[in-house]
Amino acid sequence: MADLFKNIGPYLSNSNTMPVLFLGHGSPMNALEENEFVQNFRKLAKDLPTPSSILCISAHWYTRGTFITAMERPKTIHDFYGFPKELYDIDYPANGNPDLAKEVKELLQPVYSEETNEWGLDHGTWSLLKHMYPMADIPVIQMSIDGTKPASYHYELAKQLQSLRNKGVLIIGSGNIVHNLGMVDFQNMQKEDYGFDWAREARNNINRLIVDKNHQPLLDYKNLSSVVQMTVPTPDHYLPLIYTLALQRKTENAWLFNDKMLGGSLSMTSTVIV
């Protein structure tokens, strides 16, 4: 991680354009645990310009249609079960930003989107921001992922948000590139950088395409190798990456961090685009 910031530090501090992030959020328990992943999230936040607001596209708000949170005070959503009480007790009391929600809606036109007060901040958002911005002093909104649309649709839709980067808005895609819960080896979840061979192969292939700025194969991921199909059995955790990549400008590079495997079939791989 130190090498990452040694390389991108000047870009982070000198750019007038906010970076774009894809963050592998992993288990909700990362909100409570102290590990290298959350340490790196904190380190990243300290090196980023201070955002005016945050827009998060989380794997855990998967809908029919596109929705944007527009309330003044979004609730903290505990969208999981079977975890310790301490996790359910967490509240992330960030303000919302109704004006930003309205602006996002306008930028997405002619695509129809809807402002809503019916959601809040799910764990794909607050489990990250709890470490990055523990004071909860930056307004946060979420935009949902329309699960009826292909990756190419989301890629083009995300491009319409580009102007927000020049207004201090930090855009975060939150998911996991390798995310096959059905094949997780839970008995080895604590094993360091433990990944099945097929998961590592798929992760490496996707990483290479990200770093090479070769986005088209990532949009056509269903036509990639069989190991990628095992990596992305459902698109919910993969599509936030597409939103992030769509906002990459020609002069910008993608830098990888937290690039480790968990439980055989999960990865924490994260990306900074600057």
Protein backbone atom coordinates (compact mmCIF):
# COMPACT_ATOMS: atom_id res chain seq x y z
CA MET A 1 0.00 0.00 0.00
CA ALA A 2 2.86 2.38 0.76
CA ASP A 3 4.15 1.88 -2.79
CA LEU A 4 0.70 2.67 -4.18
CA PHE A 5 0.53 6.03 -2.47
CA LYS A 6 4.14 6.80 -3.25
CA ASN A 7 3.17 6.49 -6.91
CA ILE A 8 -0.21 8.23 -6.92
CA GLY A 9 0.29 10.74 -4.11
CA PRO A 10 1.17 13.65 -6.41
CA TYR A 11 -1.89 12.95 -8.56
CA LEU A 12 -4.20 12.86 -5.55
CA SER A 13 -2.92 16.13 -4.13
CA ASN A 14 -2.58 18.14 -7.35
CA SER A 15 -5.69 17.24 -9.33
CA ASN A 16 -8.70 19.55 -9.48
CA THR A 17 -10.82 16.53 -10.36
CA MET A 18 -11.97 14.11 -7.70
CA PRO A 19 -10.68 10.55 -8.09
CA VAL A 20 -13.18 7.74 -8.62
CA LEU A 21 -13.12 4.63 -6.45
CA PHE A 22 -14.18 1.02 -6.65
CA LEU A 23 -13.96 -0.49 -3.18
CA GLY A 24 -14.22 -4.17 -2.37
CA HIS A 25 -16.34 -4.01 0.77
CA GLY A 26 -16.33 -7.69 1.71
CA SER A 27 -18.09 -8.91 4.85
CA PRO A 28 -20.17 -6.52 6.97
CA MET A 29 -17.81 -7.51 9.80
CA ASN A 30 -15.19 -5.21 8.26
CA ALA A 31 -17.17 -2.43 9.89
CA LEU A 32 -16.08 -3.79 13.29
CA GLU A 33 -12.79 -5.51 12.58
CA GLU A 34 -9.33 -4.00 12.47
CA ASN A 35 -7.50 -5.43 9.47
CA GLU A 36 -5.29 -4.34 6.60
CA PHE A 37 -8.27 -3.67 4.35
CA VAL A 38 -9.90 -1.09 6.59
CA GLN A 39 -6.50 0.39 7.43
CA ASN A 40 -5.99 0.97 3.72
CA PHE A 41 -9.42 2.57 3.38
CA ARG A 42 -8.46 5.01 6.13
CA LYS A 43 -5.11 5.71 4.50
CA LEU A 44 -6.80 6.37 1.17
CA ALA A 45 -9.29 8.81 2.69
CA LYS A 46 -6.49 10.81 4.33
CA ASP A 47 -4.74 11.21 0.98
CA LEU A 48 -7.87 12.11 -1.00
CA PRO A 49 -9.05 15.71 -1.41
CA THR A 50 -11.89 16.34 1.03
CA PRO A 51 -15.16 15.65 -0.83
CA SER A 52 -18.03 18.11 -0.89
CA SER A 53 -20.38 15.08 -0.97
CA ILE A 54 -20.24 11.36 -1.68
CA LEU A 55 -22.27 9.41 -4.23
CA CYS A 56 -22.14 5.65 -3.71
CA ILE A 57 -23.34 2.95 -6.09
CA SER A 58 -23.66 -0.10 -3.83
CA ALA A 59 -24.13 -3.72 -4.80
CA HIS A 60 -26.78 -3.94 -2.11
CA TRP A 61 -29.28 -1.57 -3.70
CA TYR A 62 -30.28 -3.67 -6.69
CA THR A 63 -33.60 -2.56 -8.13
CA ARG A 64 -35.93 -2.43 -11.12
CA GLY A 65 -35.32 1.09 -12.39
CA THR A 66 -32.92 3.73 -11.10
CA PHE A 67 -33.45 5.42 -7.73
CA ILE A 68 -31.57 8.13 -5.84
CA THR A 69 -31.76 8.77 -2.09
CA ALA A 70 -33.08 12.28 -1.53
CA MET A 71 -33.74 12.52 2.22
CA GLU A 72 -32.06 14.99 4.58
CA ARG A 73 -30.96 12.26 7.00
CA PRO A 74 -30.63 8.78 5.47
CA LYS A 75 -31.10 5.91 7.90
CA THR A 76 -28.43 3.28 8.48
CA ILE A 77 -29.68 0.04 6.93
CA HIS A 78 -28.54 -3.26 8.46
CA ASP A 79 -29.23 -5.40 5.40
CA PHE A 80 -27.85 -8.71 6.67
CA TYR A 81 -28.59 -11.31 9.32
CA GLY A 82 -26.81 -13.66 11.70
CA PHE A 83 -24.10 -11.20 12.79
CA PRO A 84 -23.15 -9.93 16.28
CA LYS A 85 -25.38 -7.38 17.99
CA GLU A 86 -22.56 -4.81 17.89
CA LEU A 87 -22.89 -4.68 14.11
CA TYR A 88 -26.61 -3.93 14.27
CA ASP A 89 -25.94 -1.19 16.81
CA ILE A 90 -23.82 0.81 14.37
CA ASP A 91 -25.34 4.06 13.19
CA TYR A 92 -23.67 6.15 10.51
CA PRO A 93 -25.38 9.55 10.95
CA ALA A 94 -24.24 11.33 7.78
CA ASN A 95 -26.53 13.91 6.25
CA GLY A 96 -28.03 13.35 2.84
CA ASN A 97 -27.91 15.91 0.04
CA PRO A 98 -31.30 16.49 -1.65
CA ASP A 99 -29.78 19.09 -3.98
CA LEU A 100 -27.20 16.61 -5.22
CA ALA A 101 -29.92 13.99 -5.67
CA LYS A 102 -31.83 16.42 -7.87
CA GLU A 103 -28.69 17.19 -9.87
CA VAL A 104 -27.99 13.48 -10.40
CA LYS A 105 -31.55 12.98 -11.62
CA GLU A 106 -31.09 15.82 -14.13
CA LEU A 107 -27.73 14.51 -15.33
CA LEU A 108 -29.17 11.06 -15.99
CA GLN A 109 -31.83 12.36 -18.38
CA PRO A 110 -33.29 11.20 -20.71
CA VAL A 111 -33.03 8.03 -18.61
CA TYR A 112 -35.86 8.10 -16.08
CA SER A 113 -34.77 8.02 -12.45
CA GLU A 114 -36.67 8.61 -9.25
CA GLU A 115 -35.73 10.42 -6.06
CA THR A 116 -36.80 8.45 -3.01
CA ASN A 117 -36.95 8.62 0.78
CA GLU A 118 -37.54 4.87 1.07
CA TRP A 119 -33.95 3.65 1.30
CA GLY A 120 -30.93 5.02 3.18
CA LEU A 121 -27.31 3.90 3.51
CA ASP A 122 -26.82 0.14 3.21
CA HIS A 123 -23.74 -1.70 4.46
CA GLY A 124 -22.07 -1.48 1.05
CA THR A 125 -21.80 2.23 1.83
CA TRP A 126 -21.57 2.75 5.58
CA SER A 127 -19.23 -0.15 6.35
CA LEU A 128 -16.65 1.65 4.17
CA LEU A 129 -17.39 5.24 5.15
CA LYS A 130 -17.29 4.36 8.85
CA HIS A 131 -13.53 3.91 8.40
CA MET A 132 -12.89 6.52 5.74
CA TYR A 133 -14.89 9.35 7.27
CA PRO A 134 -15.60 8.30 10.87
CA MET A 135 -17.02 11.71 11.83
CA ALA A 136 -19.84 11.22 9.28
CA ASP A 137 -19.41 14.89 8.40
CA ILE A 138 -19.69 14.57 4.61
CA PRO A 139 -23.15 14.33 2.98
CA VAL A 140 -23.85 10.97 1.34
CA ILE A 141 -26.37 9.81 -1.25
CA GLN A 142 -26.81 6.47 -2.97
CA MET A 143 -27.89 5.59 -6.50
CA SER A 144 -29.40 2.17 -7.15
CA ILE A 145 -28.38 -0.35 -9.80
CA ASP A 146 -31.10 -1.27 -12.29
CA GLY A 147 -30.80 -5.04 -12.32
CA THR A 148 -32.80 -5.35 -15.54
CA LYS A 149 -30.06 -3.71 -17.64
CA PRO A 150 -26.75 -5.05 -19.06
CA ALA A 151 -23.28 -3.82 -18.15
CA SER A 152 -23.04 -1.68 -21.30
CA TYR A 153 -26.13 0.25 -20.21
CA HIS A 154 -24.60 1.02 -16.81
CA TYR A 155 -21.33 2.04 -18.42
CA GLU A 156 -23.03 4.64 -20.61
CA LEU A 157 -25.29 5.81 -17.78
CA ALA A 158 -22.33 6.38 -15.45
CA LYS A 159 -20.61 8.60 -18.02
CA GLN A 160 -23.40 11.13 -17.55
CA LEU A 161 -22.16 11.72 -13.99
CA GLN A 162 -18.71 12.88 -15.10
CA SER A 163 -19.28 16.58 -14.32
CA LEU A 164 -19.79 15.81 -10.62
CA ARG A 165 -16.07 15.04 -10.33
CA ASN A 166 -15.30 18.70 -10.97
CA LYS A 167 -17.66 19.74 -8.16
CA GLY A 168 -15.89 17.88 -5.37
CA VAL A 169 -18.19 14.84 -5.42
CA LEU A 170 -16.47 11.55 -4.59
CA ILE A 171 -18.09 8.74 -6.59
CA ILE A 172 -17.65 5.25 -5.13
CA GLY A 173 -18.63 1.92 -6.60
CA SER A 174 -18.93 -0.64 -3.81
CA GLY A 175 -18.97 -4.37 -4.48
CA ASN A 176 -16.51 -7.24 -5.00
CA ILE A 177 -14.90 -8.34 -8.25
CA VAL A 178 -14.66 -11.98 -7.18
CA HIS A 179 -17.91 -12.76 -5.37
CA ASN A 180 -19.17 -16.33 -5.35
CA LEU A 181 -20.80 -16.81 -1.96
CA GLY A 182 -21.99 -20.29 -2.87
CA MET A 183 -18.41 -21.56 -3.04
CA VAL A 184 -16.88 -19.76 -0.03
CA ASP A 185 -14.72 -21.93 2.21
CA PHE A 186 -15.91 -20.47 5.51
CA GLN A 187 -13.57 -22.72 7.53
CA ASN A 188 -10.61 -20.90 5.97
CA MET A 189 -11.92 -17.33 6.03
CA GLN A 190 -9.05 -16.23 8.28
CA LYS A 191 -6.39 -17.78 6.07
CA GLU A 192 -4.14 -15.11 4.55
CA ASP A 193 -4.80 -14.36 0.86
CA TYR A 194 -6.56 -17.67 0.30
CA GLY A 195 -8.10 -18.10 -3.15
CA PHE A 196 -9.04 -21.06 -5.31
CA ASP A 197 -7.02 -21.40 -8.51
CA TRP A 198 -9.99 -20.51 -10.73
CA ALA A 199 -10.76 -17.42 -8.64
CA ARG A 200 -7.16 -16.22 -8.81
CA GLU A 201 -7.07 -16.75 -12.56
CA ALA A 202 -10.27 -14.76 -13.06
CA ARG A 203 -9.13 -12.03 -10.66
CA ASN A 204 -5.80 -11.70 -12.49
CA ASN A 205 -7.49 -11.53 -15.89
CA ILE A 206 -9.90 -8.83 -14.76
CA ASN A 207 -7.14 -6.88 -13.02
CA ARG A 208 -5.09 -6.85 -16.20
CA LEU A 209 -8.00 -5.47 -18.21
CA ILE A 210 -8.58 -2.76 -15.61
CA VAL A 211 -4.96 -1.63 -15.56
CA ASP A 212 -4.75 -1.77 -19.37
CA LYS A 213 -7.89 0.42 -19.67
CA ASN A 214 -9.40 -2.32 -21.81
CA HIS A 215 -13.01 -1.89 -20.77
CA GLN A 216 -14.92 -3.60 -23.58
CA PRO A 217 -14.12 -7.17 -22.49
CA LEU A 218 -15.20 -6.21 -18.97
CA LEU A 219 -18.55 -5.07 -20.35
CA ASP A 220 -18.80 -8.36 -22.24
CA TYR A 221 -17.79 -10.36 -19.16
CA LYS A 222 -20.38 -13.03 -19.94
CA ASN A 223 -18.32 -13.90 -23.00
CA LEU A 224 -15.05 -14.19 -21.09
CA SER A 225 -13.66 -17.45 -19.75
CA SER A 226 -15.56 -19.99 -17.68
CA VAL A 227 -13.60 -18.97 -14.59
CA VAL A 228 -14.95 -15.43 -14.93
CA GLN A 229 -18.47 -16.86 -15.05
CA MET A 230 -17.73 -18.56 -11.73
CA THR A 231 -16.37 -15.28 -10.40
CA VAL A 232 -19.48 -13.32 -11.36
CA PRO A 233 -22.41 -15.73 -10.91
CA THR A 234 -24.68 -12.70 -10.42
CA PRO A 235 -23.90 -9.14 -11.56
CA ASP A 236 -24.86 -7.20 -8.43
CA HIS A 237 -21.35 -6.99 -6.93
CA TYR A 238 -19.66 -6.63 -10.32
CA LEU A 239 -21.64 -3.73 -11.80
CA PRO A 240 -20.34 -1.10 -9.32
CA LEU A 241 -16.93 -1.67 -10.93
CA ILE A 242 -18.45 -0.76 -14.30
CA TYR A 243 -19.70 2.57 -12.93
CA THR A 244 -16.20 3.37 -11.71
CA LEU A 245 -14.47 2.42 -14.97
CA ALA A 246 -16.94 4.42 -17.05
CA LEU A 247 -15.76 7.60 -15.33
CA GLN A 248 -12.10 7.02 -16.19
CA ARG A 249 -10.71 9.75 -18.45
CA LYS A 250 -8.17 9.02 -21.18
CA THR A 251 -5.30 10.58 -19.23
CA GLU A 252 -6.13 8.72 -16.00
CA ASN A 253 -4.80 5.43 -14.68
CA ALA A 254 -6.33 2.76 -12.47
CA TRP A 255 -4.32 1.75 -9.41
CA LEU A 256 -5.14 -1.46 -7.54
CA PHE A 257 -4.93 -2.03 -3.78
CA ASN A 258 -6.32 -4.49 -1.20
CA ASP A 259 -5.76 -7.05 -3.94
CA LYS A 260 -6.15 -10.17 -1.80
CA MET A 261 -8.45 -13.19 -1.74
CA LEU A 262 -10.69 -14.39 1.07
CA GLY A 263 -12.37 -17.73 1.67
CA GLY A 264 -11.33 -19.08 -1.70
CA SER A 265 -13.96 -17.33 -3.80
CA LEU A 266 -13.99 -13.68 -2.70
CA SER A 267 -11.61 -10.80 -3.41
CA MET A 268 -11.13 -7.46 -1.70
CA THR A 269 -9.53 -5.90 -4.79
CA SER A 270 -10.12 -2.15 -4.92
CA THR A 271 -9.28 0.55 -7.47
CA VAL A 272 -8.40 4.24 -7.42
CA ILE A 273 -8.80 6.07 -10.73
CA VAL A 274 -6.91 9.34 -10.95
